[in-house]
Amino acid sequence: MSRAIKHLLIGGIIIMTTGVQNMTTANADDRKLTIVNPQTLYDPTPNGYSTAVIVPRQARLAYISGQGGQDGTGTLSPDFAVQVKQAYANLSAALDALGARPDQVAKLTVFVVDHDMSKLEVLTRNVKEMFGDALPAQTLIPVPKLAIDPMLFEVEAVVMLE
């Protein structure tokens, strides 16, 4: 075996050993999201999101695909508020399937067809109902349309699993 390969193997063993040692010393606080809202920036919490969220180093992440406002039969209401409420119910069901809670969501991305400020109150109310004080980081992207023509809203999530 070449000298370079021996050094790589030894280095890999040291790295793996170091990683295992750190994992065994983790505690419950190491598995919580840290919400960061710097006082030097605008306070985003009244609008239903946080500036930044730190995911612990050893956390596993899950990515939830965009959830629209379809009910269990695939029907979409023409009403924006009804679709948003249903989309968050669908997100909640996806979290349940992962064994996760809303306070484990680190990031949301929401897509709104023909966004205007009148829709912001609906969005803020729904996100606060679901997440309470554990508001994830969030980005709202106005779009001209989504995958299905009557679809007006979609929400995707990055979730820290325990």
N, C-alpha and C. Protein backbone atom coordinates (compact mmCIF):
# COMPACT_ATOMS: atom_id res chain seq x y z
N MET A 1 0.85 -1.16 0.00
CA MET A 1 0.00 0.00 0.00
C MET A 1 0.91 1.24 0.00
N SER A 2 0.55 2.23 -0.80
CA SER A 2 1.38 3.43 -0.89
C SER A 2 1.31 4.23 0.39
N ARG A 3 2.33 5.02 0.60
CA ARG A 3 2.42 5.87 1.80
C ARG A 3 1.27 6.87 1.85
N ALA A 4 0.90 7.45 0.69
CA ALA A 4 -0.19 8.43 0.64
C ALA A 4 -1.52 7.80 1.07
N ILE A 5 -1.79 6.57 0.61
CA ILE A 5 -3.03 5.89 0.97
C ILE A 5 -3.05 5.59 2.47
N LYS A 6 -1.91 5.17 3.03
CA LYS A 6 -1.84 4.90 4.48
C LYS A 6 -2.17 6.17 5.25
N HIS A 7 -1.62 7.33 4.82
CA HIS A 7 -1.91 8.60 5.51
C HIS A 7 -3.39 8.96 5.41
N LEU A 8 -3.99 8.73 4.24
CA LEU A 8 -5.42 9.01 4.08
C LEU A 8 -6.25 8.11 4.98
N LEU A 9 -5.90 6.85 5.05
CA LEU A 9 -6.64 5.92 5.91
C LEU A 9 -6.52 6.31 7.38
N ILE A 10 -5.33 6.62 7.81
CA ILE A 10 -5.13 7.02 9.21
C ILE A 10 -5.89 8.32 9.49
N GLY A 11 -5.81 9.28 8.56
CA GLY A 11 -6.54 10.54 8.72
C GLY A 11 -8.03 10.31 8.79
N GLY A 12 -8.57 9.39 7.95
CA GLY A 12 -9.99 9.09 7.97
C GLY A 12 -10.42 8.47 9.28
N ILE A 13 -9.60 7.61 9.84
CA ILE A 13 -9.92 6.99 11.13
C ILE A 13 -9.95 8.04 12.23
N ILE A 14 -9.01 8.96 12.20
CA ILE A 14 -8.99 10.02 13.21
C ILE A 14 -10.23 10.90 13.08
N ILE A 15 -10.60 11.26 11.86
CA ILE A 15 -11.78 12.09 11.64
C ILE A 15 -13.03 11.35 12.10
N MET A 16 -13.17 10.08 11.74
CA MET A 16 -14.34 9.32 12.14
C MET A 16 -14.40 9.18 13.66
N THR A 17 -13.29 8.93 14.30
CA THR A 17 -13.26 8.79 15.75
C THR A 17 -13.65 10.09 16.42
N THR A 18 -13.15 11.21 15.90
CA THR A 18 -13.48 12.51 16.47
C THR A 18 -14.98 12.78 16.34
N GLY A 19 -15.56 12.45 15.18
CA GLY A 19 -16.98 12.66 14.97
C GLY A 19 -17.83 11.83 15.91
N VAL A 20 -17.47 10.59 16.13
CA VAL A 20 -18.22 9.71 17.03
C VAL A 20 -18.15 10.24 18.46
N GLN A 21 -16.99 10.68 18.87
CA GLN A 21 -16.83 11.19 20.22
C GLN A 21 -17.74 12.40 20.45
N ASN A 22 -17.81 13.31 19.49
CA ASN A 22 -18.67 14.49 19.63
C ASN A 22 -20.14 14.11 19.68
N MET A 23 -20.53 13.12 18.92
CA MET A 23 -21.93 12.71 18.90
C MET A 23 -22.36 12.13 20.24
N THR A 24 -21.50 11.44 20.92
CA THR A 24 -21.88 10.83 22.19
C THR A 24 -22.01 11.85 23.31
N THR A 25 -21.47 13.04 23.13
CA THR A 25 -21.55 14.03 24.20
C THR A 25 -22.67 15.04 23.97
N ALA A 26 -23.48 14.84 22.93
CA ALA A 26 -24.58 15.76 22.65
C ALA A 26 -25.64 15.66 23.75
N ASN A 27 -26.30 16.79 24.02
CA ASN A 27 -27.40 16.78 24.99
C ASN A 27 -28.65 17.35 24.33
N ALA A 28 -29.75 17.40 25.06
CA ALA A 28 -31.03 17.84 24.50
C ALA A 28 -30.96 19.26 23.95
N ASP A 29 -30.21 20.15 24.57
CA ASP A 29 -30.10 21.53 24.07
C ASP A 29 -29.41 21.58 22.71
N ASP A 30 -28.59 20.58 22.40
CA ASP A 30 -27.91 20.54 21.11
C ASP A 30 -28.86 20.16 19.98
N ARG A 31 -30.09 19.79 20.30
CA ARG A 31 -31.05 19.38 19.28
C ARG A 31 -32.18 20.38 19.13
N LYS A 32 -31.98 21.61 19.54
CA LYS A 32 -33.00 22.66 19.42
C LYS A 32 -32.54 23.70 18.40
N LEU A 33 -33.51 24.26 17.71
CA LEU A 33 -33.22 25.36 16.80
C LEU A 33 -32.95 26.62 17.61
N THR A 34 -32.05 27.45 17.13
CA THR A 34 -31.78 28.74 17.75
C THR A 34 -32.31 29.82 16.83
N ILE A 35 -33.27 30.60 17.31
CA ILE A 35 -33.86 31.68 16.53
C ILE A 35 -33.06 32.95 16.78
N VAL A 36 -32.71 33.67 15.71
CA VAL A 36 -31.90 34.87 15.81
C VAL A 36 -32.63 36.03 15.15
N ASN A 37 -32.95 37.04 15.94
CA ASN A 37 -33.55 38.28 15.45
C ASN A 37 -32.72 39.44 16.01
N PRO A 38 -31.66 39.85 15.28
CA PRO A 38 -30.79 40.91 15.79
C PRO A 38 -31.54 42.21 16.05
N GLN A 39 -31.22 42.86 17.15
CA GLN A 39 -31.87 44.12 17.51
C GLN A 39 -31.52 45.23 16.53
N THR A 40 -30.45 45.06 15.77
CA THR A 40 -30.05 46.08 14.81
C THR A 40 -30.84 46.00 13.51
N LEU A 41 -31.69 44.96 13.37
CA LEU A 41 -32.53 44.80 12.18
C LEU A 41 -33.99 44.99 12.54
N TYR A 42 -34.80 45.21 11.55
CA TYR A 42 -36.25 45.28 11.69
C TYR A 42 -36.75 44.00 12.35
N ASP A 43 -37.68 44.11 13.30
CA ASP A 43 -38.25 42.94 13.98
C ASP A 43 -39.28 42.27 13.07
N PRO A 44 -38.98 41.09 12.54
CA PRO A 44 -39.90 40.44 11.60
C PRO A 44 -41.02 39.65 12.26
N THR A 45 -40.98 39.47 13.58
CA THR A 45 -41.95 38.58 14.23
C THR A 45 -43.41 39.02 14.06
N PRO A 46 -43.73 40.34 14.01
CA PRO A 46 -45.13 40.68 13.76
C PRO A 46 -45.63 40.19 12.40
N ASN A 47 -44.70 39.95 11.48
CA ASN A 47 -45.09 39.46 10.15
C ASN A 47 -44.98 37.94 10.03
N GLY A 48 -44.69 37.25 11.15
CA GLY A 48 -44.76 35.80 11.16
C GLY A 48 -43.51 35.06 10.74
N TYR A 49 -42.32 35.66 10.91
CA TYR A 49 -41.09 34.95 10.59
C TYR A 49 -39.94 35.46 11.44
N SER A 50 -38.82 34.76 11.40
CA SER A 50 -37.60 35.15 12.09
C SER A 50 -36.53 35.48 11.06
N THR A 51 -35.57 36.31 11.46
CA THR A 51 -34.49 36.70 10.55
C THR A 51 -33.63 35.50 10.18
N ALA A 52 -33.25 34.70 11.17
CA ALA A 52 -32.38 33.55 10.92
C ALA A 52 -32.67 32.46 11.93
N VAL A 53 -32.37 31.24 11.55
CA VAL A 53 -32.52 30.09 12.44
C VAL A 53 -31.28 29.24 12.28
N ILE A 54 -30.67 28.88 13.41
CA ILE A 54 -29.48 28.02 13.40
C ILE A 54 -29.90 26.60 13.71
N VAL A 55 -29.49 25.68 12.83
CA VAL A 55 -29.75 24.25 13.02
C VAL A 55 -28.52 23.65 13.69
N PRO A 56 -28.69 22.85 14.74
CA PRO A 56 -27.54 22.24 15.41
C PRO A 56 -26.67 21.42 14.45
N ARG A 57 -25.41 21.35 14.78
CA ARG A 57 -24.42 20.69 13.93
C ARG A 57 -24.77 19.24 13.59
N GLN A 58 -25.21 18.47 14.54
CA GLN A 58 -25.44 17.03 14.33
C GLN A 58 -26.86 16.70 13.87
N ALA A 59 -27.66 17.72 13.55
CA ALA A 59 -29.06 17.48 13.21
C ALA A 59 -29.22 16.83 11.83
N ARG A 60 -30.26 16.02 11.73
CA ARG A 60 -30.69 15.50 10.43
C ARG A 60 -31.76 16.44 9.91
N LEU A 61 -31.76 16.69 8.61
CA LEU A 61 -32.75 17.58 8.01
C LEU A 61 -33.68 16.80 7.10
N ALA A 62 -34.92 17.25 7.03
CA ALA A 62 -35.89 16.73 6.07
C ALA A 62 -36.41 17.92 5.28
N TYR A 63 -36.70 17.69 4.03
CA TYR A 63 -37.22 18.73 3.15
C TYR A 63 -38.64 18.33 2.75
N ILE A 64 -39.61 19.16 3.09
CA ILE A 64 -41.00 18.88 2.74
C ILE A 64 -41.32 19.65 1.46
N SER A 65 -41.76 18.91 0.46
CA SER A 65 -42.13 19.52 -0.81
C SER A 65 -43.28 20.50 -0.62
N GLY A 66 -43.44 21.36 -1.60
CA GLY A 66 -44.49 22.38 -1.53
C GLY A 66 -45.85 21.77 -1.29
N GLN A 67 -46.52 22.29 -0.28
CA GLN A 67 -47.88 21.85 0.07
C GLN A 67 -48.85 22.93 -0.37
N GLY A 68 -49.77 22.54 -1.22
CA GLY A 68 -50.79 23.48 -1.68
C GLY A 68 -52.05 23.35 -0.85
N GLY A 69 -53.07 24.03 -1.29
CA GLY A 69 -54.33 24.08 -0.56
C GLY A 69 -55.34 23.03 -0.95
N GLN A 70 -54.90 21.90 -1.53
CA GLN A 70 -55.83 20.83 -1.89
C GLN A 70 -56.29 20.09 -0.64
N ASP A 71 -57.57 19.76 -0.60
CA ASP A 71 -58.04 18.92 0.49
C ASP A 71 -57.73 17.46 0.17
N GLY A 72 -58.21 16.53 0.98
CA GLY A 72 -57.91 15.11 0.81
C GLY A 72 -58.38 14.52 -0.50
N THR A 73 -59.33 15.17 -1.17
CA THR A 73 -59.83 14.68 -2.46
C THR A 73 -59.13 15.36 -3.64
N GLY A 74 -58.24 16.32 -3.33
CA GLY A 74 -57.54 17.05 -4.39
C GLY A 74 -58.25 18.31 -4.83
N THR A 75 -59.34 18.65 -4.15
CA THR A 75 -60.12 19.83 -4.51
C THR A 75 -59.47 21.09 -3.97
N LEU A 76 -59.45 22.13 -4.81
CA LEU A 76 -58.92 23.45 -4.42
C LEU A 76 -60.06 24.45 -4.35
N SER A 77 -60.17 25.14 -3.22
CA SER A 77 -61.14 26.22 -3.11
C SER A 77 -60.64 27.39 -3.96
N PRO A 78 -61.54 28.18 -4.52
CA PRO A 78 -61.10 29.38 -5.24
C PRO A 78 -60.68 30.51 -4.30
N ASP A 79 -60.94 30.34 -2.99
CA ASP A 79 -60.66 31.37 -1.99
C ASP A 79 -59.22 31.25 -1.48
N PHE A 80 -58.46 32.33 -1.56
CA PHE A 80 -57.06 32.35 -1.13
C PHE A 80 -56.92 31.94 0.34
N ALA A 81 -57.73 32.52 1.23
CA ALA A 81 -57.62 32.23 2.67
C ALA A 81 -57.88 30.75 2.96
N VAL A 82 -58.82 30.16 2.27
CA VAL A 82 -59.14 28.74 2.46
C VAL A 82 -57.96 27.88 2.01
N GLN A 83 -57.36 28.24 0.87
CA GLN A 83 -56.20 27.49 0.38
C GLN A 83 -55.02 27.58 1.34
N VAL A 84 -54.77 28.77 1.89
CA VAL A 84 -53.65 28.94 2.83
C VAL A 84 -53.88 28.09 4.07
N LYS A 85 -55.07 28.15 4.62
CA LYS A 85 -55.38 27.35 5.82
C LYS A 85 -55.20 25.85 5.54
N GLN A 86 -55.67 25.39 4.40
CA GLN A 86 -55.54 23.98 4.05
C GLN A 86 -54.08 23.60 3.80
N ALA A 87 -53.31 24.49 3.18
CA ALA A 87 -51.89 24.21 2.92
C ALA A 87 -51.13 24.03 4.23
N TYR A 88 -51.43 24.85 5.24
CA TYR A 88 -50.77 24.69 6.53
C TYR A 88 -51.25 23.42 7.24
N ALA A 89 -52.51 23.03 7.04
CA ALA A 89 -52.99 21.75 7.58
C ALA A 89 -52.24 20.60 6.89
N ASN A 90 -52.00 20.72 5.58
CA ASN A 90 -51.26 19.70 4.86
C ASN A 90 -49.80 19.65 5.33
N LEU A 91 -49.21 20.81 5.59
CA LEU A 91 -47.84 20.86 6.12
C LEU A 91 -47.80 20.18 7.48
N SER A 92 -48.79 20.43 8.31
CA SER A 92 -48.86 19.81 9.62
C SER A 92 -48.95 18.28 9.50
N ALA A 93 -49.72 17.80 8.54
CA ALA A 93 -49.83 16.35 8.32
C ALA A 93 -48.49 15.77 7.86
N ALA A 94 -47.76 16.51 7.03
CA ALA A 94 -46.44 16.05 6.59
C ALA A 94 -45.47 16.00 7.77
N LEU A 95 -45.53 17.00 8.65
CA LEU A 95 -44.69 16.99 9.86
C LEU A 95 -45.02 15.78 10.72
N ASP A 96 -46.32 15.53 10.92
CA ASP A 96 -46.74 14.37 11.71
C ASP A 96 -46.17 13.08 11.13
N ALA A 97 -46.20 12.95 9.80
CA ALA A 97 -45.69 11.74 9.15
C ALA A 97 -44.19 11.56 9.39
N LEU A 98 -43.48 12.68 9.61
CA LEU A 98 -42.04 12.62 9.90
C LEU A 98 -41.76 12.46 11.39
N GLY A 99 -42.80 12.54 12.21
CA GLY A 99 -42.61 12.51 13.65
C GLY A 99 -42.04 13.83 14.15
N ALA A 100 -42.34 14.92 13.45
CA ALA A 100 -41.79 16.24 13.79
C ALA A 100 -42.90 17.18 14.25
N ARG A 101 -42.49 18.24 14.91
CA ARG A 101 -43.39 19.27 15.41
C ARG A 101 -43.11 20.59 14.69
N PRO A 102 -44.03 21.55 14.75
CA PRO A 102 -43.78 22.85 14.12
C PRO A 102 -42.53 23.55 14.64
N ASP A 103 -42.17 23.36 15.93
CA ASP A 103 -40.98 24.05 16.45
C ASP A 103 -39.67 23.44 15.94
N GLN A 104 -39.77 22.42 15.08
CA GLN A 104 -38.59 21.85 14.45
C GLN A 104 -38.40 22.35 13.01
N VAL A 105 -39.30 23.21 12.54
CA VAL A 105 -39.20 23.77 11.19
C VAL A 105 -38.22 24.95 11.24
N ALA A 106 -37.16 24.85 10.46
CA ALA A 106 -36.14 25.89 10.43
C ALA A 106 -36.43 26.95 9.37
N LYS A 107 -37.00 26.53 8.24
CA LYS A 107 -37.17 27.46 7.11
C LYS A 107 -38.42 27.12 6.33
N LEU A 108 -39.17 28.16 5.97
CA LEU A 108 -40.31 28.04 5.08
C LEU A 108 -40.04 28.86 3.82
N THR A 109 -40.50 28.38 2.71
CA THR A 109 -40.57 29.18 1.50
C THR A 109 -42.01 29.13 1.04
N VAL A 110 -42.62 30.29 0.88
CA VAL A 110 -44.01 30.34 0.44
C VAL A 110 -44.08 31.02 -0.93
N PHE A 111 -44.97 30.50 -1.75
CA PHE A 111 -45.18 31.01 -3.09
C PHE A 111 -46.63 31.50 -3.16
N VAL A 112 -46.81 32.75 -3.57
CA VAL A 112 -48.14 33.35 -3.61
C VAL A 112 -48.41 33.86 -5.02
N VAL A 113 -49.51 33.40 -5.60
CA VAL A 113 -49.91 33.86 -6.93
C VAL A 113 -50.47 35.28 -6.79
N ASP A 114 -49.95 36.17 -7.64
CA ASP A 114 -50.42 37.57 -7.68
C ASP A 114 -50.45 38.21 -6.29
N HIS A 115 -49.35 38.11 -5.59
CA HIS A 115 -49.26 38.65 -4.23
C HIS A 115 -49.53 40.15 -4.19
N ASP A 116 -50.26 40.56 -3.17
CA ASP A 116 -50.40 41.98 -2.83
C ASP A 116 -50.53 42.06 -1.32
N MET A 117 -50.47 43.24 -0.78
CA MET A 117 -50.43 43.42 0.68
C MET A 117 -51.70 42.92 1.37
N SER A 118 -52.82 42.82 0.66
CA SER A 118 -54.04 42.31 1.29
C SER A 118 -53.90 40.84 1.68
N LYS A 119 -53.00 40.11 1.02
CA LYS A 119 -52.81 38.69 1.33
C LYS A 119 -51.87 38.48 2.52
N LEU A 120 -51.11 39.50 2.86
CA LEU A 120 -50.12 39.37 3.93
C LEU A 120 -50.76 39.05 5.28
N GLU A 121 -51.91 39.64 5.59
CA GLU A 121 -52.58 39.38 6.86
C GLU A 121 -52.99 37.91 6.97
N VAL A 122 -53.49 37.34 5.89
CA VAL A 122 -53.89 35.93 5.88
C VAL A 122 -52.67 35.05 6.12
N LEU A 123 -51.57 35.35 5.44
CA LEU A 123 -50.34 34.57 5.59
C LEU A 123 -49.82 34.64 7.02
N THR A 124 -49.74 35.86 7.56
CA THR A 124 -49.21 36.07 8.90
C THR A 124 -50.06 35.35 9.95
N ARG A 125 -51.36 35.47 9.84
CA ARG A 125 -52.26 34.82 10.82
C ARG A 125 -52.05 33.30 10.82
N ASN A 126 -51.98 32.70 9.64
CA ASN A 126 -51.83 31.24 9.55
C ASN A 126 -50.48 30.76 10.06
N VAL A 127 -49.42 31.47 9.75
CA VAL A 127 -48.10 31.03 10.21
C VAL A 127 -47.99 31.19 11.73
N LYS A 128 -48.57 32.25 12.28
CA LYS A 128 -48.53 32.43 13.74
C LYS A 128 -49.39 31.38 14.45
N GLU A 129 -50.52 31.01 13.85
CA GLU A 129 -51.35 29.96 14.45
C GLU A 129 -50.60 28.63 14.52
N MET A 130 -49.83 28.33 13.49
CA MET A 130 -49.12 27.06 13.45
C MET A 130 -47.84 27.05 14.27
N PHE A 131 -47.10 28.16 14.26
CA PHE A 131 -45.76 28.17 14.85
C PHE A 131 -45.65 28.93 16.17
N GLY A 132 -46.65 29.72 16.54
CA GLY A 132 -46.59 30.47 17.80
C GLY A 132 -45.35 31.35 17.85
N ASP A 133 -44.57 31.24 18.94
CA ASP A 133 -43.36 32.04 19.10
C ASP A 133 -42.14 31.43 18.40
N ALA A 134 -42.24 30.19 17.96
CA ALA A 134 -41.10 29.51 17.30
C ALA A 134 -41.16 29.75 15.79
N LEU A 135 -41.11 31.02 15.42
CA LEU A 135 -41.27 31.38 14.01
C LEU A 135 -40.03 31.02 13.20
N PRO A 136 -40.19 30.23 12.15
CA PRO A 136 -39.03 29.86 11.33
C PRO A 136 -38.58 31.03 10.45
N ALA A 137 -37.39 30.90 9.89
CA ALA A 137 -36.98 31.82 8.84
C ALA A 137 -37.94 31.58 7.67
N GLN A 138 -38.19 32.62 6.87
CA GLN A 138 -39.20 32.47 5.83
C GLN A 138 -38.93 33.42 4.67
N THR A 139 -39.20 32.93 3.48
CA THR A 139 -39.12 33.75 2.28
C THR A 139 -40.43 33.64 1.53
N LEU A 140 -40.99 34.77 1.13
CA LEU A 140 -42.20 34.82 0.33
C LEU A 140 -41.79 35.16 -1.10
N ILE A 141 -42.22 34.35 -2.04
CA ILE A 141 -41.90 34.58 -3.45
C ILE A 141 -43.21 34.77 -4.23
N PRO A 142 -43.45 36.00 -4.71
CA PRO A 142 -44.62 36.21 -5.58
C PRO A 142 -44.40 35.52 -6.93
N VAL A 143 -45.42 34.84 -7.42
CA VAL A 143 -45.32 34.13 -8.69
C VAL A 143 -46.56 34.41 -9.53
N PRO A 144 -46.45 34.31 -10.86
CA PRO A 144 -47.63 34.51 -11.70
C PRO A 144 -48.58 33.32 -11.68
N LYS A 145 -48.04 32.10 -11.48
CA LYS A 145 -48.88 30.90 -11.38
C LYS A 145 -48.08 29.79 -10.75
N LEU A 146 -48.79 28.75 -10.30
CA LEU A 146 -48.17 27.56 -9.72
C LEU A 146 -48.46 26.36 -10.61
N ALA A 147 -48.12 25.17 -10.16
CA ALA A 147 -48.20 23.96 -10.98
C ALA A 147 -49.60 23.68 -11.51
N ILE A 148 -50.61 23.96 -10.72
CA ILE A 148 -52.00 23.71 -11.11
C ILE A 148 -52.70 25.07 -11.17
N ASP A 149 -53.37 25.36 -12.26
CA ASP A 149 -53.94 26.70 -12.47
C ASP A 149 -54.76 27.27 -11.32
N PRO A 150 -55.67 26.54 -10.69
CA PRO A 150 -56.43 27.17 -9.60
C PRO A 150 -55.64 27.32 -8.29
N MET A 151 -54.41 26.83 -8.26
CA MET A 151 -53.59 26.89 -7.04
C MET A 151 -53.10 28.33 -6.83
N LEU A 152 -53.34 28.87 -5.60
CA LEU A 152 -52.98 30.25 -5.29
C LEU A 152 -51.85 30.36 -4.28
N PHE A 153 -51.52 29.25 -3.60
CA PHE A 153 -50.55 29.29 -2.51
C PHE A 153 -49.86 27.94 -2.39
N GLU A 154 -48.57 28.00 -2.00
CA GLU A 154 -47.81 26.78 -1.76
C GLU A 154 -46.76 27.09 -0.69
N VAL A 155 -46.52 26.12 0.21
CA VAL A 155 -45.53 26.30 1.28
C VAL A 155 -44.64 25.05 1.33
N GLU A 156 -43.32 25.26 1.34
CA GLU A 156 -42.38 24.16 1.52
C GLU A 156 -41.56 24.42 2.78
N ALA A 157 -40.98 23.37 3.35
CA ALA A 157 -40.32 23.51 4.64
C ALA A 157 -39.03 22.70 4.72
N VAL A 158 -38.10 23.23 5.51
CA VAL A 158 -36.90 22.50 5.91
C VAL A 158 -37.07 22.22 7.40
N VAL A 159 -36.98 20.95 7.76
CA VAL A 159 -37.29 20.51 9.13
C VAL A 159 -36.10 19.82 9.75
N MET A 160 -35.82 20.15 11.00
CA MET A 160 -34.77 19.46 11.76
C MET A 160 -35.42 18.27 12.44
N LEU A 161 -34.90 17.09 12.19
CA LEU A 161 -35.43 15.88 12.83
C LEU A 161 -34.62 15.60 14.08
N GLU A 162 -35.26 15.02 15.07
CA GLU A 162 -34.56 14.67 16.32
C GLU A 162 -34.03 13.26 16.24
